[in-house]
C-alpha atoms as a PDB file:
ATOM      1  CA  MET A   1      35.123  -1.466   7.413  1.00  0.00           C
ATOM      2  CA  LEU A   2      37.917  -3.872   8.567  1.00  0.00           C
ATOM      3  CA  SER A   3      38.112  -7.190   6.832  1.00  0.00           C
ATOM      4  CA  LYS A   4      37.350  -9.078  10.051  1.00  0.00           C
ATOM      5  CA  GLU A   5      34.166  -6.985  10.720  1.00  0.00           C
ATOM      6  CA  THR A   6      33.097  -7.290   7.232  1.00  0.00           C
ATOM      7  CA  LYS A   7      33.187 -11.076   7.081  1.00  0.00           C
ATOM      8  CA  GLU A   8      31.468 -10.944  10.510  1.00  0.00           C
ATOM      9  CA  LEU A   9      28.567  -8.684   9.187  1.00  0.00           C
ATOM     10  CA  ASP A  10      28.280 -10.829   5.921  1.00  0.00           C
ATOM     11  CA  ARG A  11      27.845 -13.779   8.073  1.00  0.00           C
ATOM     12  CA  VAL A  12      24.915 -12.145  10.343  1.00  0.00           C
ATOM     13  CA  LEU A  13      23.593 -10.612   7.453  1.00  0.00           C
ATOM     14  CA  ARG A  14      22.906 -13.935   5.688  1.00  0.00           C
ATOM     15  CA  GLN A  15      22.116 -16.209   8.668  1.00  0.00           C
ATOM     16  CA  GLY A  16      21.594 -14.208  11.815  1.00  0.00           C
ATOM     17  CA  ASN A  17      18.434 -12.485  13.288  1.00  0.00           C
ATOM     18  CA  ILE A  18      17.725  -8.755  13.326  1.00  0.00           C
ATOM     19  CA  LYS A  19      19.129  -8.804  17.122  1.00  0.00           C
ATOM     20  CA  GLU A  20      22.417 -10.199  15.878  1.00  0.00           C
ATOM     21  CA  ILE A  21      22.792  -8.114  13.110  1.00  0.00           C
ATOM     22  CA  LYS A  22      22.120  -5.036  15.330  1.00  0.00           C
ATOM     23  CA  HIS A  23      24.702  -6.181  17.634  1.00  0.00           C
ATOM     24  CA  VAL A  24      27.540  -6.423  15.069  1.00  0.00           C
ATOM     25  CA  PHE A  25      26.452  -2.987  13.603  1.00  0.00           C
ATOM     26  CA  GLY A  26      26.765  -1.601  17.064  1.00  0.00           C
ATOM     27  CA  LYS A  27      30.363  -2.463  17.789  1.00  0.00           C
ATOM     28  CA  SER A  28      31.726  -0.118  15.224  1.00  0.00           C
ATOM     29  CA  SER A  29      30.888   3.126  13.457  1.00  0.00           C
ATOM     30  CA  GLU A  30      33.265   2.284  10.676  1.00  0.00           C
ATOM     31  CA  PRO A  31      32.001   3.744   7.448  1.00  0.00           C
ATOM     32  CA  LEU A  32      30.811   1.314   5.038  1.00  0.00           C
ATOM     33  CA  ARG A  33      32.096   1.444   1.486  1.00  0.00           C
ATOM     34  CA  GLN A  34      29.594   2.200  -1.227  1.00  0.00           C
ATOM     35  CA  LYS A  35      29.585  -1.388  -2.808  1.00  0.00           C
ATOM     36  CA  ASP A  36      29.161  -2.483   0.651  1.00  0.00           C
ATOM     37  CA  VAL A  37      26.060  -0.478   1.110  1.00  0.00           C
ATOM     38  CA  VAL A  38      24.089  -1.827  -1.575  1.00  0.00           C
ATOM     39  CA  LYS A  39      24.864  -5.483  -0.450  1.00  0.00           C
ATOM     40  CA  VAL A  40      24.227  -4.681   2.843  1.00  0.00           C
ATOM     41  CA  LEU A  41      20.822  -3.011   2.144  1.00  0.00           C
ATOM     42  CA  ARG A  42      19.734  -5.812  -0.321  1.00  0.00           C
ATOM     43  CA  LEU A  43      20.433  -8.454   2.415  1.00  0.00           C
ATOM     44  CA  LEU A  44      18.558  -6.413   4.937  1.00  0.00           C
ATOM     45  CA  LEU A  45      15.712  -5.888   2.720  1.00  0.00           C
ATOM     46  CA  GLY A  46      15.486  -9.440   1.269  1.00  0.00           C
ATOM     47  CA  ARG A  47      15.567 -11.226   4.604  1.00  0.00           C
ATOM     48  CA  SER A  48      13.110  -8.756   6.197  1.00  0.00           C
ATOM     49  CA  ASN A  49      15.669  -7.552   8.822  1.00  0.00           C
ATOM     50  CA  PHE A  50      14.870  -3.940   8.777  1.00  0.00           C
ATOM     51  CA  ASP A  51      13.320  -1.601  11.257  1.00  0.00           C
ATOM     52  CA  PHE A  52      13.537   2.072  12.366  1.00  0.00           C
ATOM     53  CA  GLU A  53      16.486   1.055  14.850  1.00  0.00           C
ATOM     54  CA  MET A  54      18.220  -0.363  11.770  1.00  0.00           C
ATOM     55  CA  VAL A  55      17.983   3.179  10.001  1.00  0.00           C
ATOM     56  CA  GLN A  56      19.851   4.641  13.165  1.00  0.00           C
ATOM     57  CA  LEU A  57      22.656   2.075  12.857  1.00  0.00           C
ATOM     58  CA  LEU A  58      22.986   2.449   8.986  1.00  0.00           C
ATOM     59  CA  LYS A  59      23.327   6.237   9.641  1.00  0.00           C
ATOM     60  CA  LYS A  60      26.069   5.465  12.269  1.00  0.00           C
ATOM     61  CA  HIS A  61      28.036   3.768   9.536  1.00  0.00           C
ATOM     62  CA  HIS A  62      27.522   6.776   7.196  1.00  0.00           C
ATOM     63  CA  CYS A  63      25.529   4.691   4.531  1.00  0.00           C
ATOM     64  CA  ASP A  64      24.062   6.492   2.016  1.00  0.00           C
ATOM     65  CA  LEU A  65      20.294   5.363   2.203  1.00  0.00           C
ATOM     66  CA  ASN A  66      19.543   7.116  -0.908  1.00  0.00           C
ATOM     67  CA  ALA A  67      21.771   4.693  -3.236  1.00  0.00           C
ATOM     68  CA  PRO A  68      19.728   2.692  -5.948  1.00  0.00           C
ATOM     69  CA  LEU A  69      19.967  -1.090  -5.057  1.00  0.00           C
ATOM     70  CA  GLY A  70      22.367  -1.958  -7.831  1.00  0.00           C
ATOM     71  CA  ASP A  71      23.730  -0.269 -11.107  1.00  0.00           C
ATOM     72  CA  GLU A  72      21.915   0.382 -14.067  1.00  0.00           C
ATOM     73  CA  LYS A  73      22.357  -3.139 -15.629  1.00  0.00           C
ATOM     74  CA  SER A  74      21.390  -5.060 -12.347  1.00  0.00           C
ATOM     75  CA  ASN A  75      18.668  -2.521 -11.404  1.00  0.00           C
ATOM     76  CA  PRO A  76      17.700  -0.567 -14.853  1.00  0.00           C
ATOM     77  CA  GLU A  77      14.700   0.767 -12.987  1.00  0.00           C
ATOM     78  CA  GLN A  78      17.023   2.140 -10.401  1.00  0.00           C
ATOM     79  CA  TYR A  79      14.783   1.139  -7.253  1.00  0.00           C
ATOM     80  CA  ARG A  80      15.785   2.222  -4.184  1.00  0.00           C
ATOM     81  CA  MET A  81      15.182   1.160  -0.438  1.00  0.00           C
ATOM     82  CA  GLY A  82      11.761   2.899   0.023  1.00  0.00           C
ATOM     83  CA  ASP A  83      10.445   1.656  -3.319  1.00  0.00           C
ATOM     84  CA  TYR A  84      11.001  -2.004  -2.094  1.00  0.00           C
ATOM     85  CA  LEU A  85      10.030  -1.507   1.546  1.00  0.00           C
ATOM     86  CA  SER A  86       6.532   0.194   0.217  1.00  0.00           C
ATOM     87  CA  SER A  87       6.156  -2.866  -2.235  1.00  0.00           C
ATOM     88  CA  TYR A  88       6.716  -5.276   0.676  1.00  0.00           C
ATOM     89  CA  GLY A  89       4.185  -3.190   2.887  1.00  0.00           C
ATOM     90  CA  ARG A  90       6.736  -2.602   5.534  1.00  0.00           C
ATOM     91  CA  LEU A  91       6.704   1.259   5.463  1.00  0.00           C
ATOM     92  CA  SER A  92       5.261   2.736   8.689  1.00  0.00           C
ATOM     93  CA  PRO A  93       5.144   6.530   9.711  1.00  0.00           C
ATOM     94  CA  ARG A  94       7.676   5.777  12.428  1.00  0.00           C
ATOM     95  CA  LEU A  95       9.982   4.177   9.794  1.00  0.00           C
ATOM     96  CA  ILE A  96       9.476   6.875   7.273  1.00  0.00           C
ATOM     97  CA  ASP A  97      10.260   9.622   9.880  1.00  0.00           C
ATOM     98  CA  GLU A  98      13.517   7.818  10.916  1.00  0.00           C
ATOM     99  CA  MET A  99      14.736   7.413   7.232  1.00  0.00           C
ATOM    100  CA  ALA A 100      14.000  10.872   6.502  1.00  0.00           C
ATOM    101  CA  LYS A 101      16.105  12.141   9.420  1.00  0.00           C
ATOM    102  CA  ALA A 102      19.024   9.867   8.198  1.00  0.00           C
ATOM    103  CA  GLY A 103      18.583  11.744   4.832  1.00  0.00           C
ATOM    104  CA  TYR A 104      16.356   9.467   2.858  1.00  0.00           C
ATOM    105  CA  ASP A 105      14.434  11.509   0.146  1.00  0.00           C
ATOM    106  CA  PHE A 106      10.892  10.037  -0.221  1.00  0.00           C
ATOM    107  CA  SER A 107      10.175  12.446  -3.001  1.00  0.00           C
ATOM    108  CA  LYS A 108      12.689  11.539  -5.232  1.00  0.00           C
ATOM    109  CA  THR A 109      11.640   9.351  -8.268  1.00  0.00           C
ATOM    110  CA  ASN A 110      13.443   6.137  -9.785  1.00  0.00           C
ATOM    111  CA  ALA A 111      14.009   5.633 -13.587  1.00  0.00           C
ATOM    112  CA  LYS A 112      10.114   5.038 -14.198  1.00  0.00           C
ATOM    113  CA  GLY A 113       9.383   8.425 -12.837  1.00  0.00           C
ATOM    114  CA  GLU A 114       7.869   6.804  -9.617  1.00  0.00           C
ATOM    115  CA  HIS A 115       8.263   7.657  -5.772  1.00  0.00           C
ATOM    116  CA  ALA A 116       7.482   5.014  -3.049  1.00  0.00           C
ATOM    117  CA  GLY A 117       3.774   5.985  -3.179  1.00  0.00           C
ATOM    118  CA  PHE A 118       3.415   4.312  -6.494  1.00  0.00           C
ATOM    119  CA  TYR A 119       4.194   0.815  -4.708  1.00  0.00           C
ATOM    120  CA  LEU A 120       2.154   1.141  -1.474  1.00  0.00           C
ATOM    121  CA  LEU A 121      -0.542  -1.456  -2.767  1.00  0.00           C
ATOM    122  CA  GLY A 122       2.127  -4.120  -3.421  1.00  0.00           C
ATOM    123  CA  THR A 123       1.578  -6.838  -0.804  1.00  0.00           C
ATOM    124  CA  ARG A 124      -0.616  -5.279   1.745  1.00  0.00           C
ATOM    125  CA  SER A 125      -3.203  -2.668   2.131  1.00  0.00           C
ATOM    126  CA  LEU A 126      -3.034   0.989   1.376  1.00  0.00           C
ATOM    127  CA  ASN A 127      -3.239   2.883   4.856  1.00  0.00           C
ATOM    128  CA  ALA A 128      -4.048   6.542   5.420  1.00  0.00           C
ATOM    129  CA  ARG A 129      -1.568   7.196   8.141  1.00  0.00           C
ATOM    130  CA  VAL A 130       1.307   5.992   5.814  1.00  0.00           C
ATOM    131  CA  VAL A 131       0.102   8.244   3.012  1.00  0.00           C
ATOM    132  CA  ALA A 132      -0.201  11.182   5.388  1.00  0.00           C
ATOM    133  CA  ALA A 133       3.531  10.483   6.690  1.00  0.00           C
ATOM    134  CA  LEU A 134       4.742  10.353   3.035  1.00  0.00           C
ATOM    135  CA  LYS A 135       2.800  13.453   2.197  1.00  0.00           C
ATOM    136  CA  ALA A 136       4.686  14.948   5.149  1.00  0.00           C
ATOM    137  CA  GLN A 137       8.097  14.150   3.660  1.00  0.00           C
ATOM    138  CA  GLY A 138       6.858  16.091   0.290  1.00  0.00           C
ATOM    139  CA  VAL A 139       5.743  13.204  -1.802  1.00  0.00           C
ATOM    140  CA  ASP A 140       3.274  14.185  -4.575  1.00  0.00           C
ATOM    141  CA  PHE A 141       0.344  11.568  -5.060  1.00  0.00           C
ATOM    142  CA  ASP A 142      -0.913  13.647  -8.047  1.00  0.00           C
ATOM    143  CA  LEU A 143       2.751  13.316  -9.723  1.00  0.00           C
ATOM    144  CA  LYS A 144       2.472  11.353 -13.092  1.00  0.00           C
ATOM    145  CA  ASN A 145       4.992   8.722 -13.828  1.00  0.00           C
ATOM    146  CA  LYS A 146       6.763   8.370 -17.365  1.00  0.00           C
ATOM    147  CA  SER A 147       3.887   6.329 -18.515  1.00  0.00           C
ATOM    148  CA  GLY A 148       1.491   9.101 -17.691  1.00  0.00           C
ATOM    149  CA  LYS A 149       0.061   7.484 -14.919  1.00  0.00           C
ATOM    150  CA  THR A 150      -0.764   8.686 -11.142  1.00  0.00           C
ATOM    151  CA  VAL A 151      -0.925   6.680  -8.022  1.00  0.00           C
ATOM    152  CA  ALA A 152      -4.525   6.234  -8.446  1.00  0.00           C
ATOM    153  CA  ASP A 153      -4.156   4.976 -11.945  1.00  0.00           C
ATOM    154  CA  CYS A 154      -1.696   2.303 -10.738  1.00  0.00           C
ATOM    155  CA  ILE A 155      -3.910   1.385  -7.985  1.00  0.00           C
ATOM    156  CA  VAL A 156      -6.976   0.815 -10.155  1.00  0.00           C
ATOM    157  CA  ASP A 157      -4.680  -1.304 -12.601  1.00  0.00           C
ATOM    158  CA  ASN A 158      -3.007  -3.435  -9.541  1.00  0.00           C
ATOM    159  CA  ILE A 159      -6.701  -4.059  -8.413  1.00  0.00           C
ATOM    160  CA  ALA A 160      -7.613  -5.620 -11.697  1.00  0.00           C
ATOM    161  CA  THR A 161      -4.339  -7.618 -11.796  1.00  0.00           C
ATOM    162  CA  PHE A 162      -4.991  -8.981  -8.385  1.00  0.00           C
ATOM    163  CA  SER A 163      -8.713  -9.670  -9.088  1.00  0.00           C
ATOM    164  CA  SER A 164      -7.561 -11.621 -12.473  1.00  0.00           C
ATOM    165  CA  LYS A 165      -4.951 -13.726 -10.627  1.00  0.00           C
ATOM    166  CA  MET A 166      -7.599 -14.788  -8.017  1.00  0.00           C
ATOM    167  CA  LEU A 167     -10.025 -15.623 -10.842  1.00  0.00           C
ATOM    168  CA  LEU A 168     -12.649 -13.157  -9.477  1.00  0.00           C
ATOM    169  CA  SER A 169     -15.117 -11.896 -12.159  1.00  0.00           C
ATOM    170  CA  LYS A 170     -15.710  -8.787  -9.872  1.00  0.00           C
ATOM    171  CA  PRO A 171     -13.009  -7.137  -8.027  1.00  0.00           C
ATOM    172  CA  LYS A 172     -15.153  -6.070  -4.775  1.00  0.00           C
ATOM    173  CA  ARG A 173     -13.141  -8.586  -2.483  1.00  0.00           C
ATOM    174  CA  VAL A 174      -9.772  -6.978  -3.545  1.00  0.00           C
ATOM    175  CA  ILE A 175     -11.209  -3.493  -3.342  1.00  0.00           C
ATOM    176  CA  ILE A 176     -12.394  -4.016   0.218  1.00  0.00           C
ATOM    177  CA  ALA A 177      -9.121  -5.812   1.303  1.00  0.00           C
ATOM    178  CA  LYS A 178      -6.545  -3.416  -0.242  1.00  0.00           C
ATOM    179  CA  LEU A 179      -8.322  -0.111   0.048  1.00  0.00           C
ATOM    180  CA  SER A 180     -10.409  -0.165   3.439  1.00  0.00           C
ATOM    181  CA  PRO A 181      -7.534   1.280   5.441  1.00  0.00           C
ATOM    182  CA  LEU A 182      -7.589   4.260   3.225  1.00  0.00           C
ATOM    183  CA  PHE A 183     -10.819   5.306   4.541  1.00  0.00           C
ATOM    184  CA  GLU A 184     -12.473   6.211   7.821  1.00  0.00           C
ATOM    185  CA  ILE A 185     -16.166   6.495   7.730  1.00  0.00           C
ATOM    186  CA  ARG A 186     -19.010   4.133   7.408  1.00  0.00           C
ATOM    187  CA  GLU A 187     -20.231   5.751   4.194  1.00  0.00           C
ATOM    188  CA  ASP A 188     -17.044   5.427   2.487  1.00  0.00           C
ATOM    189  CA  PHE A 189     -16.957   1.753   3.360  1.00  0.00           C
ATOM    190  CA  ILE A 190     -20.236   1.212   1.947  1.00  0.00           C
ATOM    191  CA  ARG A 191     -19.466   2.880  -1.088  1.00  0.00           C
ATOM    192  CA  LEU A 192     -16.394   0.711  -1.524  1.00  0.00           C
ATOM    193  CA  SER A 193     -18.890  -2.099  -1.882  1.00  0.00           C
ATOM    194  CA  THR A 194     -20.833  -0.577  -4.520  1.00  0.00           C
ATOM    195  CA  VAL A 195     -18.200   1.775  -6.335  1.00  0.00           C
ATOM    196  CA  ASP A 196     -17.060   0.600  -9.839  1.00  0.00           C
ATOM    197  CA  GLY A 197     -14.875   1.339 -13.054  1.00  0.00           C
ATOM    198  CA  ASN A 198     -13.970   4.810 -13.438  1.00  0.00           C
ATOM    199  CA  ASP A 199     -15.808   5.899 -10.173  1.00  0.00           C
ATOM    200  CA  LEU A 200     -13.254   3.837  -8.211  1.00  0.00           C
ATOM    201  CA  LYS A 201     -10.393   6.105  -9.514  1.00  0.00           C
ATOM    202  CA  GLY A 202     -12.083   9.094  -8.862  1.00  0.00           C
ATOM    203  CA  MET A 203     -12.888   7.934  -5.361  1.00  0.00           C
ATOM    204  CA  ILE A 204      -9.356   7.122  -4.576  1.00  0.00           C
ATOM    205  CA  ALA A 205      -7.888  10.179  -6.033  1.00  0.00           C
ATOM    206  CA  ASP A 206     -10.154  12.425  -4.023  1.00  0.00           C
ATOM    207  CA  ARG A 207      -9.237  10.501  -0.958  1.00  0.00           C
ATOM    208  CA  LEU A 208      -5.657  10.686  -1.497  1.00  0.00           C
ATOM    209  CA  ARG A 209      -5.930  14.426  -2.179  1.00  0.00           C
ATOM    210  CA  GLU A 210      -7.809  15.239   1.030  1.00  0.00           C
ATOM    211  CA  ILE A 211      -5.697  13.405   3.559  1.00  0.00           C
ATOM    212  CA  LYS A 212      -3.393  16.092   5.158  1.00  0.00           C
ATOM    213  CA  PRO A 213       0.222  15.600   5.602  1.00  0.00           C
ATOM    214  CA  GLU A 214       1.032  14.205   8.836  1.00  0.00           C
ATOM    215  CA  ARG A 215       4.393  12.637  10.365  1.00  0.00           C
ATOM    216  CA  ASN A 216       2.682  10.402  12.669  1.00  0.00           C
ATOM    217  CA  GLU A 217       6.169   9.395  13.677  1.00  0.00           C
ATOM    218  CA  THR A 218       5.273   7.165  16.644  1.00  0.00           C
ATOM    219  CA  VAL A 219       3.134   4.905  14.670  1.00  0.00           C
ATOM    220  CA  GLY A 220       4.827   1.706  14.307  1.00  0.00           C
ATOM    221  CA  ILE A 221       4.273  -1.459  11.647  1.00  0.00           C
ATOM    222  CA  GLN A 222       2.365  -3.376  14.230  1.00  0.00           C
ATOM    223  CA  SER A 223      -0.316  -0.354  14.793  1.00  0.00           C
ATOM    224  CA  ILE A 224      -0.560  -0.054  11.085  1.00  0.00           C
ATOM    225  CA  LEU A 225      -1.235  -3.739  10.589  1.00  0.00           C
ATOM    226  CA  SER A 226      -3.840  -3.901  13.365  1.00  0.00           C
ATOM    227  CA  GLN A 227      -5.651  -0.827  11.898  1.00  0.00           C
ATOM    228  CA  ASN A 228      -5.527  -2.533   8.522  1.00  0.00           C
ATOM    229  CA  ARG A 229      -7.515  -5.425  10.037  1.00  0.00           C
ATOM    230  CA  ALA A 230     -10.043  -3.422  11.838  1.00  0.00           C
ATOM    231  CA  CYS A 231     -10.826  -1.379   8.708  1.00  0.00           C
ATOM    232  CA  TYR A 232     -11.125  -4.640   6.589  1.00  0.00           C
ATOM    233  CA  ASN A 233     -13.585  -6.159   9.284  1.00  0.00           C
ATOM    234  CA  LEU A 234     -15.657  -2.677   9.207  1.00  0.00           C
ATOM    235  CA  ALA A 235     -15.712  -2.848   5.205  1.00  0.00           C
ATOM    236  CA  TYR A 236     -16.407  -6.373   5.226  1.00  0.00           C
ATOM    237  CA  TYR A 237     -19.737  -5.902   7.454  1.00  0.00           C
ATOM    238  CA  ALA A 238     -20.573  -3.016   5.308  1.00  0.00           C
ATOM    239  CA  GLN A 239     -20.525  -5.193   2.130  1.00  0.00           C
ATOM    240  CA  ARG A 240     -22.591  -7.594   3.968  1.00  0.00           C
ATOM    241  CA  PHE A 241     -25.120  -5.149   5.058  1.00  0.00           C
ATOM    242  CA  VAL A 242     -25.421  -3.728   1.396  1.00  0.00           C
ATOM    243  CA  GLN A 243     -25.773  -7.364  -0.013  1.00  0.00           C
ATOM    244  CA  GLU A 244     -28.349  -8.203   2.562  1.00  0.00           C
ATOM    245  CA  LYS A 245     -30.228  -4.856   1.560  1.00  0.00           C
ATOM    246  CA  VAL A 246     -30.159  -6.204  -2.187  1.00  0.00           C
ATOM    247  CA  ASN A 247     -31.299  -9.800  -1.126  1.00  0.00           C
ATOM    248  CA  ILE A 248     -34.269  -8.335   0.886  1.00  0.00           C
ATOM    249  CA  GLU A 249     -35.288  -5.972  -1.883  1.00  0.00           C
ATOM    250  CA  LYS A 250     -35.027  -8.830  -4.226  1.00  0.00           C
ATOM    251  CA  ASP A 251     -37.002 -11.342  -1.894  1.00  0.00           C
ATOM    252  CA  MET A 252     -39.943  -8.728  -1.316  1.00  0.00           C
ATOM    253  CA  ARG A 253     -40.192  -8.256  -5.189  1.00  0.00           C
ATOM    254  CA  THR A 254     -40.344 -11.942  -5.829  1.00  0.00           C
ATOM    255  CA  ARG A 255     -42.853 -12.469  -2.937  1.00  0.00           C
ATOM    256  CA  PHE A 256     -45.178  -9.474  -4.351  1.00  0.00           C
ATOM    257  CA  GLU A 257     -44.779 -10.677  -7.883  1.00  0.00           C
ATOM    258  CA  LYS A 258     -46.172 -14.257  -6.740  1.00  0.00           C
ATOM    259  CA  SER A 259     -48.918 -12.891  -4.593  1.00  0.00           C
ATOM    260  CA  CYS A 260     -50.014 -10.436  -7.191  1.00  0.00           C
ATOM    261  CA  PRO A 261     -49.916 -11.799 -10.429  1.00  0.00           C
ATOM    262  CA  LEU A 262     -52.953  -9.983 -11.603  1.00  0.00           C
ATOM    263  CA  PHE A 263     -51.720  -6.666 -10.685  1.00  0.00           C
ATOM    264  CA  MET A 264     -48.430  -7.455 -12.148  1.00  0.00           C
ATOM    265  CA  LYS A 265     -50.154  -8.357 -15.475  1.00  0.00           C
ATOM    266  CA  LYS A 266     -51.885  -5.027 -15.411  1.00  0.00           C
ATOM    267  CA  LEU A 267     -48.751  -3.303 -14.897  1.00  0.00           C
ATOM    268  CA  SER A 268     -47.012  -4.925 -17.739  1.00  0.00           C
ATOM    269  CA  ASP A 269     -50.081  -4.145 -20.123  1.00  0.00           C
ATOM    270  CA  LEU A 270     -49.730  -0.520 -19.288  1.00  0.00           C
ATOM    271  CA  SER A 271     -46.275  -0.285 -19.698  1.00  0.00           C
ATOM    272  CA  GLN A 272     -46.509  -1.909 -23.185  1.00  0.00           C
ATOM    273  CA  ASN A 273     -49.378   0.587 -23.855  1.00  0.00           C
ATOM    274  CA  GLU A 274     -47.195   3.498 -23.047  1.00  0.00           C
ATOM    275  CA  HIS A 275     -44.565   2.279 -25.711  1.00  0.00           C
ATOM    276  CA  CYS A 276     -47.130   1.877 -28.318  1.00  0.00           C
END
């Protein structure tokens, strides 16, 4: 780009809002130099000034969206734009579709052997429609990274890490908060309240496999966030239902034991005799 335009762009990228950035980008179609592409993408991602319209403007300036965000010294994992957007919880089906149209390859992996799907549980919940949109771009959720782990393995690891950081002895709260938008029916929400250990990995892996590829290209980030909240509320009430059921059963047993001490003694004696 021309020097004057470069200076103006640098200013708005560091200080302006997304409207100002789009205005400056829209004034020219001059190709960005490769070193400027990485700088622009870093500033856009770092200040959260990135949406599906921004993709169209970057394409207009002939940006290589597949470029790693830094050389191997500054970015040894060779993370790309999709990895960051996934980790920040900012991928929506609409954005995924626009990025793919602009030439971004979501199925391509970084130096760790991981695609954007490995980072979906970064800061927000795992949403089924985002998974479907990534699948529509050829993303393989059964792929193993260079450590031999699948997306499901990494999700289970992340839940354990989140639980540890929140000082929770049981990760139920994290499981419900992070995974409820991956599911759709009441029975699955209830199961999330009781699933444990290896069963959790199997439940996640099975669900990821059954989600069909679907572009959902009109679904934006606000729709995804609204769905996340709705699914969390449904799963939260399902958890309360399960806990209330457990509490009722426990209370009934306690009341029965208190009201029928002789019967409980005979039952205990019979049990001991059976073991003799």
